[in-house]
């Protein structure tokens, strides 16, 4: 544009100097010159604005690049946090799975114990029912059958089993013991403990020094009758004397003393089965 204006100017000077240019031609050239000057001014203004816009866009680009860099940095930090979270979550899933396995193992073990206890309770009820049905009403006056803490107790009054101060089993008691022995044979998985108990009245006879001796001898006599007369496996049997030290009533009255003079046949499930279950109890694993 600048060269065109210069050219027009030179042309005008040349023409004027020759004096050969008409007024009309001069006016046309002057008009073109003015148009060129105006166009040149506008172009210069546009160039200035364009440069300003370019600088503004450059600043926007730099700002956008800075923002993009910050976003990338933030994304890297978020990715790092997410990776750590996923790793922790996976570890948590492993720990939860291990905990679920331990709970399932414990539940299985508890179920086995509950099943064993339920089976034992059912057998105790069946045994008790059989005993009470097999005994006559007269016998039940001197025999008390009950279940206490998973154990069957058959309590026999000593005035039915023995004569006063004696440890020989009476003929009257043999029929009752035979009925009890028959039930014991049906429940071969139960152990049998016979315990002798006395009142607190002292005793001293030949070969019987005190109530300890008397209670132990009476328990031994019942055990031997169950074994020899009624065929109970002696490996299931044991005898114990509690003397006067396991009373169930007050020894201050005759009735209380009578209740304390008793021999108890205690029927218990074999502990081997329960010990095996205990040995199989799941052990908690140590966490690293």
Protein backbone atom coordinates (compact mmCIF):
# COMPACT_ATOMS: atom_id res chain seq x y z
CA UNK A 1 0.00 0.00 0.00
CA UNK A 2 2.78 2.36 0.87
CA UNK A 3 4.51 1.84 -2.54
CA UNK A 4 1.23 2.44 -4.40
CA UNK A 5 0.69 5.76 -2.61
CA UNK A 6 4.25 6.82 -3.37
CA UNK A 7 3.81 5.87 -7.00
CA UNK A 8 0.61 7.90 -7.28
CA UNK A 9 2.30 10.87 -5.63
CA UNK A 10 5.25 10.76 -8.03
CA UNK A 11 2.89 10.46 -10.91
CA UNK A 12 1.00 13.53 -9.78
CA UNK A 13 4.18 15.54 -9.44
CA UNK A 14 5.28 14.45 -12.87
CA UNK A 15 2.06 15.33 -14.44
CA UNK A 16 1.93 18.69 -12.74
CA UNK A 17 5.44 19.48 -13.77
CA UNK A 18 4.66 18.80 -17.43
CA UNK A 19 1.53 20.89 -17.18
CA UNK A 20 -0.22 18.50 -19.54
CA UNK A 21 -2.75 17.05 -17.03
CA UNK A 22 -6.35 18.11 -17.22
CA UNK A 23 -8.33 19.13 -14.17
CA UNK A 24 -10.52 16.10 -14.56
CA UNK A 25 -7.58 13.73 -14.61
CA UNK A 26 -6.07 15.46 -11.65
CA UNK A 27 -9.26 15.12 -9.66
CA UNK A 28 -9.40 11.43 -10.43
CA UNK A 29 -5.83 10.93 -9.32
CA UNK A 30 -6.40 12.95 -6.17
CA UNK A 31 -9.45 10.87 -5.33
CA UNK A 32 -7.49 7.64 -5.77
CA UNK A 33 -4.73 9.06 -3.66
CA UNK A 34 -7.17 9.95 -0.88
CA UNK A 35 -8.72 6.47 -1.07
CA UNK A 36 -5.31 4.90 -0.83
CA UNK A 37 -4.43 7.04 2.15
CA UNK A 38 -7.65 6.05 3.87
CA UNK A 39 -7.09 2.40 3.10
CA UNK A 40 -3.55 2.64 4.35
CA UNK A 41 -4.74 4.14 7.63
CA UNK A 42 -7.35 1.48 8.10
CA UNK A 43 -4.84 -1.25 7.29
CA UNK A 44 -2.39 0.20 9.80
CA UNK A 45 -5.13 0.27 12.45
CA UNK A 46 -6.10 -3.30 11.63
CA UNK A 47 -2.49 -4.38 11.90
CA UNK A 48 -2.21 -2.74 15.31
CA UNK A 49 -5.41 -4.47 16.45
CA UNK A 50 -4.22 -7.75 14.99
CA UNK A 51 -0.94 -7.50 16.90
CA UNK A 52 -2.86 -6.74 20.09
CA UNK A 53 -5.15 -9.72 19.50
CA UNK A 54 -2.12 -11.89 18.81
CA UNK A 55 -0.50 -10.88 22.11
CA UNK A 56 -3.80 -11.48 23.92
CA UNK A 57 -4.17 -14.90 22.34
CA UNK A 58 -0.56 -15.68 23.27
CA UNK A 59 -1.30 -14.83 26.89
CA UNK A 60 -4.47 -16.97 26.76
CA UNK A 61 -2.48 -19.81 25.24
CA UNK A 62 0.16 -19.55 27.96
CA UNK A 63 -2.57 -19.49 30.62
CA UNK A 64 -4.25 -22.50 29.02
CA UNK A 65 -0.92 -24.36 28.92
CA UNK A 66 -0.32 -23.52 32.60
CA UNK A 67 -3.84 -24.71 33.50
CA UNK A 68 -3.31 -27.88 31.46
CA UNK A 69 -0.03 -28.56 33.29
CA UNK A 70 -1.74 -28.11 36.64
CA UNK A 71 -4.58 -30.41 35.55
CA UNK A 72 -2.07 -33.09 34.50
CA UNK A 73 -0.32 -32.78 37.86
CA UNK A 74 -3.66 -33.05 39.67
CA UNK A 75 -4.60 -36.10 37.59
CA UNK A 76 -1.31 -37.79 38.48
CA UNK A 77 -1.94 -37.14 42.17
CA UNK A 78 -5.50 -38.49 41.87
CA UNK A 79 -4.21 -41.57 40.02
CA UNK A 80 -1.65 -42.17 42.77
CA UNK A 81 -4.36 -41.87 45.43
CA UNK A 82 -6.66 -44.16 43.44
CA UNK A 83 -3.90 -46.76 43.01
CA UNK A 84 -3.19 -46.72 46.74
CA UNK A 85 -6.92 -46.95 47.47
CA UNK A 86 -7.30 -49.91 45.10
CA UNK A 87 -4.32 -51.63 46.69
CA UNK A 88 -5.74 -51.07 50.18
CA UNK A 89 -9.15 -52.24 48.98
CA UNK A 90 -7.65 -55.42 47.50
CA UNK A 91 -5.81 -56.07 50.76
CA UNK A 92 -9.03 -55.39 52.65
CA UNK A 93 -10.85 -57.85 50.39
CA UNK A 94 -8.24 -60.50 51.16
CA UNK A 95 -8.57 -59.84 54.90
CA UNK A 96 -12.37 -59.95 54.69
CA UNK A 97 -12.23 -63.21 52.74
CA UNK A 98 -9.90 -64.68 55.35
CA UNK A 99 -12.21 -63.48 58.13
CA UNK A 100 -15.23 -65.02 56.37
CA UNK A 101 -13.36 -68.34 56.10
CA UNK A 102 -12.50 -68.23 59.80
CA UNK A 103 -16.10 -67.41 60.70
CA UNK A 104 -17.38 -70.26 58.53
CA UNK A 105 -14.91 -72.65 60.16
CA UNK A 106 -15.95 -71.47 63.62
CA UNK A 107 -19.64 -71.78 62.72
CA UNK A 108 -19.05 -75.32 61.48
CA UNK A 109 -17.24 -76.19 64.72
CA UNK A 110 -19.98 -74.60 66.83
CA UNK A 111 -22.60 -76.52 64.85
CA UNK A 112 -20.74 -79.76 65.57
CA UNK A 113 -20.71 -78.94 69.28
CA UNK A 114 -24.39 -78.00 69.22
CA UNK A 115 -25.25 -81.18 67.32
CA UNK A 116 -23.27 -83.26 69.80
CA UNK A 117 -24.95 -81.49 72.72
CA UNK A 118 -28.39 -81.93 71.14
CA UNK A 119 -27.69 -85.61 70.56
CA UNK A 120 -26.53 -86.00 74.16
CA UNK A 121 -29.61 -84.17 75.47
CA UNK A 122 -31.90 -86.34 73.35
CA UNK A 123 -30.24 -89.50 74.63
CA UNK A 124 -30.49 -88.25 78.21
CA UNK A 125 -34.21 -87.65 77.79
CA UNK A 126 -34.70 -91.08 76.22
CA UNK A 127 -32.67 -92.72 79.00
CA UNK A 128 -34.60 -90.90 81.72
CA UNK A 129 -37.95 -91.81 80.17
CA UNK A 130 -36.96 -95.48 79.91
CA UNK A 131 -35.80 -95.55 83.52
CA UNK A 132 -38.95 -93.97 84.95
CA UNK A 133 -41.20 -96.23 82.85
CA UNK A 134 -39.33 -99.38 83.90
CA UNK A 135 -39.57 -98.67 87.64
CA UNK A 136 -42.70 -99.36 89.68
CA UNK A 137 -44.40 -96.72 91.78
CA UNK A 138 -43.00 -98.32 94.96
CA UNK A 139 -39.49 -98.19 93.52
CA UNK A 140 -39.91 -94.57 92.47
CA UNK A 141 -40.49 -93.66 96.11
CA UNK A 142 -36.86 -94.61 96.80
CA UNK A 143 -35.38 -93.74 93.41
CA UNK A 144 -35.11 -90.22 92.03
CA UNK A 145 -34.18 -89.75 88.35
CA UNK A 146 -33.21 -86.32 87.02
CA UNK A 147 -31.06 -84.62 84.39
CA UNK A 148 -28.74 -81.92 85.64
CA UNK A 149 -26.29 -80.02 83.38
CA UNK A 150 -26.38 -82.69 80.70
CA UNK A 151 -25.89 -85.58 83.13
CA UNK A 152 -28.42 -88.18 84.30
CA UNK A 153 -28.54 -88.73 88.05
CA UNK A 154 -30.19 -91.81 89.58
CA UNK A 155 -30.33 -91.28 93.31
CA UNK A 156 -31.11 -94.41 95.38
CA UNK A 157 -32.02 -94.19 99.06
CA UNK A 158 -29.67 -96.18 101.30
CA UNK A 159 -32.53 -97.69 103.31
CA UNK A 160 -33.52 -99.47 100.09
CA UNK A 161 -29.99 -100.49 99.07
CA UNK A 162 -28.37 -101.33 102.42
CA UNK A 163 -29.05 -102.10 106.02
CA UNK A 164 -27.98 -99.45 108.52
CA UNK A 165 -24.19 -99.27 108.76
CA UNK A 166 -23.77 -101.99 106.12
CA UNK A 167 -22.35 -101.94 102.60
CA UNK A 168 -23.83 -105.23 101.40
CA UNK A 169 -26.53 -104.71 98.72
CA UNK A 170 -29.93 -105.98 99.94
CA UNK A 171 -32.00 -108.52 98.01
CA UNK A 172 -34.75 -105.92 97.71
CA UNK A 173 -32.40 -103.61 95.77
CA UNK A 174 -31.29 -106.30 93.31
CA UNK A 175 -34.51 -106.11 91.28
CA UNK A 176 -34.24 -102.32 91.00
CA UNK A 177 -30.56 -102.52 90.01
CA UNK A 178 -31.38 -105.15 87.39
CA UNK A 179 -33.83 -102.75 85.72
CA UNK A 180 -31.26 -99.96 85.81
CA UNK A 181 -28.59 -102.28 84.39
CA UNK A 182 -30.85 -103.25 81.51
CA UNK A 183 -31.22 -99.60 80.53
CA UNK A 184 -27.46 -99.05 80.89
CA UNK A 185 -26.82 -101.85 78.40
CA UNK A 186 -28.96 -100.02 75.84
CA UNK A 187 -26.81 -96.91 76.21
CA UNK A 188 -23.33 -98.34 75.70
CA UNK A 189 -21.75 -94.98 74.85
CA UNK A 190 -22.29 -93.67 78.37
CA UNK A 191 -19.94 -93.99 81.33
CA UNK A 192 -21.28 -94.87 84.77
CA UNK A 193 -20.00 -93.35 88.00
CA UNK A 194 -21.37 -94.63 91.31
CA UNK A 195 -20.99 -92.23 94.25
CA UNK A 196 -21.69 -93.08 97.88
CA UNK A 197 -22.94 -90.38 100.29
CA UNK A 198 -23.66 -90.43 104.03
CA UNK A 199 -25.08 -88.19 106.71
CA UNK A 200 -22.82 -86.62 109.33
CA UNK A 201 -23.36 -89.24 112.02
CA UNK A 202 -19.96 -90.79 112.87
CA UNK A 203 -19.50 -94.54 112.37
CA UNK A 204 -16.80 -96.90 113.58
CA UNK A 205 -17.03 -100.62 112.85
CA UNK A 206 -14.71 -103.39 111.92
CA UNK A 207 -12.98 -102.44 108.66
CA UNK A 208 -15.05 -99.20 108.53
CA UNK A 209 -13.18 -96.34 110.11
CA UNK A 210 -15.50 -93.46 109.18
CA UNK A 211 -18.08 -92.20 106.70
CA UNK A 212 -15.44 -91.94 103.98
CA UNK A 213 -14.92 -95.69 104.17
CA UNK A 214 -18.64 -96.41 104.34
CA UNK A 215 -19.53 -94.26 101.30
CA UNK A 216 -16.67 -95.71 99.23
CA UNK A 217 -17.52 -99.31 100.18
CA UNK A 218 -21.20 -98.82 99.31
CA UNK A 219 -20.30 -97.33 95.90
CA UNK A 220 -17.91 -100.24 95.27
CA UNK A 221 -20.58 -102.78 96.21
CA UNK A 222 -23.06 -101.32 93.68
CA UNK A 223 -20.39 -101.26 90.95
CA UNK A 224 -19.53 -104.90 91.55
CA UNK A 225 -23.20 -105.92 91.43
CA UNK A 226 -23.64 -104.11 88.11
CA UNK A 227 -20.57 -105.87 86.74
CA UNK A 228 -20.83 -109.38 88.16
CA UNK A 229 -24.58 -109.87 88.43
CA UNK A 230 -25.84 -107.85 85.48
CA UNK A 231 -22.95 -107.88 83.00
CA UNK A 232 -22.12 -104.20 82.72
CA UNK A 233 -18.70 -103.68 81.13
CA UNK A 234 -16.36 -102.76 84.02
CA UNK A 235 -14.49 -100.35 81.71
CA UNK A 236 -17.58 -98.15 81.85
CA UNK A 237 -17.78 -98.25 85.64
CA UNK A 238 -16.09 -96.28 88.41
CA UNK A 239 -16.79 -95.94 92.15
CA UNK A 240 -16.29 -92.98 94.49
CA UNK A 241 -17.07 -92.11 98.11
CA UNK A 242 -18.08 -88.56 99.05
CA UNK A 243 -18.64 -89.29 102.74
CA UNK A 244 -20.75 -86.66 104.49
CA UNK A 245 -19.32 -83.79 102.48
CA UNK A 246 -21.81 -83.63 99.61
CA UNK A 247 -25.14 -83.12 101.40
CA UNK A 248 -28.34 -82.21 99.58
CA UNK A 249 -30.26 -81.45 102.78
CA UNK A 250 -29.73 -80.16 106.32
CA UNK A 251 -28.29 -82.79 108.66
CA UNK A 252 -30.05 -81.16 111.60
CA UNK A 253 -33.26 -83.13 110.99
CA UNK A 254 -33.93 -86.86 110.60
CA UNK A 255 -35.52 -86.24 107.21
CA UNK A 256 -32.47 -84.29 106.07
CA UNK A 257 -30.13 -87.05 107.22
CA UNK A 258 -32.26 -89.62 105.41
CA UNK A 259 -32.01 -87.67 102.16
CA UNK A 260 -28.24 -87.33 102.52
CA UNK A 261 -27.81 -91.10 102.95
CA UNK A 262 -27.93 -92.01 99.28
CA UNK A 263 -26.01 -93.67 96.49
CA UNK A 264 -26.03 -91.93 93.13
CA UNK A 265 -25.56 -93.62 89.77
CA UNK A 266 -24.32 -90.85 87.47
CA UNK A 267 -24.59 -91.55 83.75
CA UNK A 268 -22.43 -89.33 81.55
CA UNK A 269 -21.64 -89.21 77.82
CA UNK A 270 -18.16 -90.48 77.00
CA UNK A 271 -15.86 -87.49 77.12
CA UNK A 272 -13.63 -88.83 74.32
CA UNK A 273 -16.06 -87.60 71.66
CA UNK A 274 -16.17 -84.13 73.14
CA UNK A 275 -12.39 -84.01 73.57
CA UNK A 276 -11.96 -84.93 69.90
CA UNK A 277 -14.26 -82.05 68.96
CA UNK A 278 -12.29 -79.69 71.16
CA UNK A 279 -9.04 -80.83 69.53
CA UNK A 280 -10.57 -80.03 66.15
CA UNK A 281 -11.40 -76.46 67.15
CA UNK A 282 -10.24 -74.01 64.43
CA UNK A 283 -7.25 -71.98 65.52
CA UNK A 284 -7.14 -68.27 64.76
CA UNK A 285 -4.34 -67.52 62.29
CA UNK A 286 -1.75 -64.97 63.28
CA UNK A 287 -1.83 -61.87 61.10
CA UNK A 288 1.51 -60.68 59.81
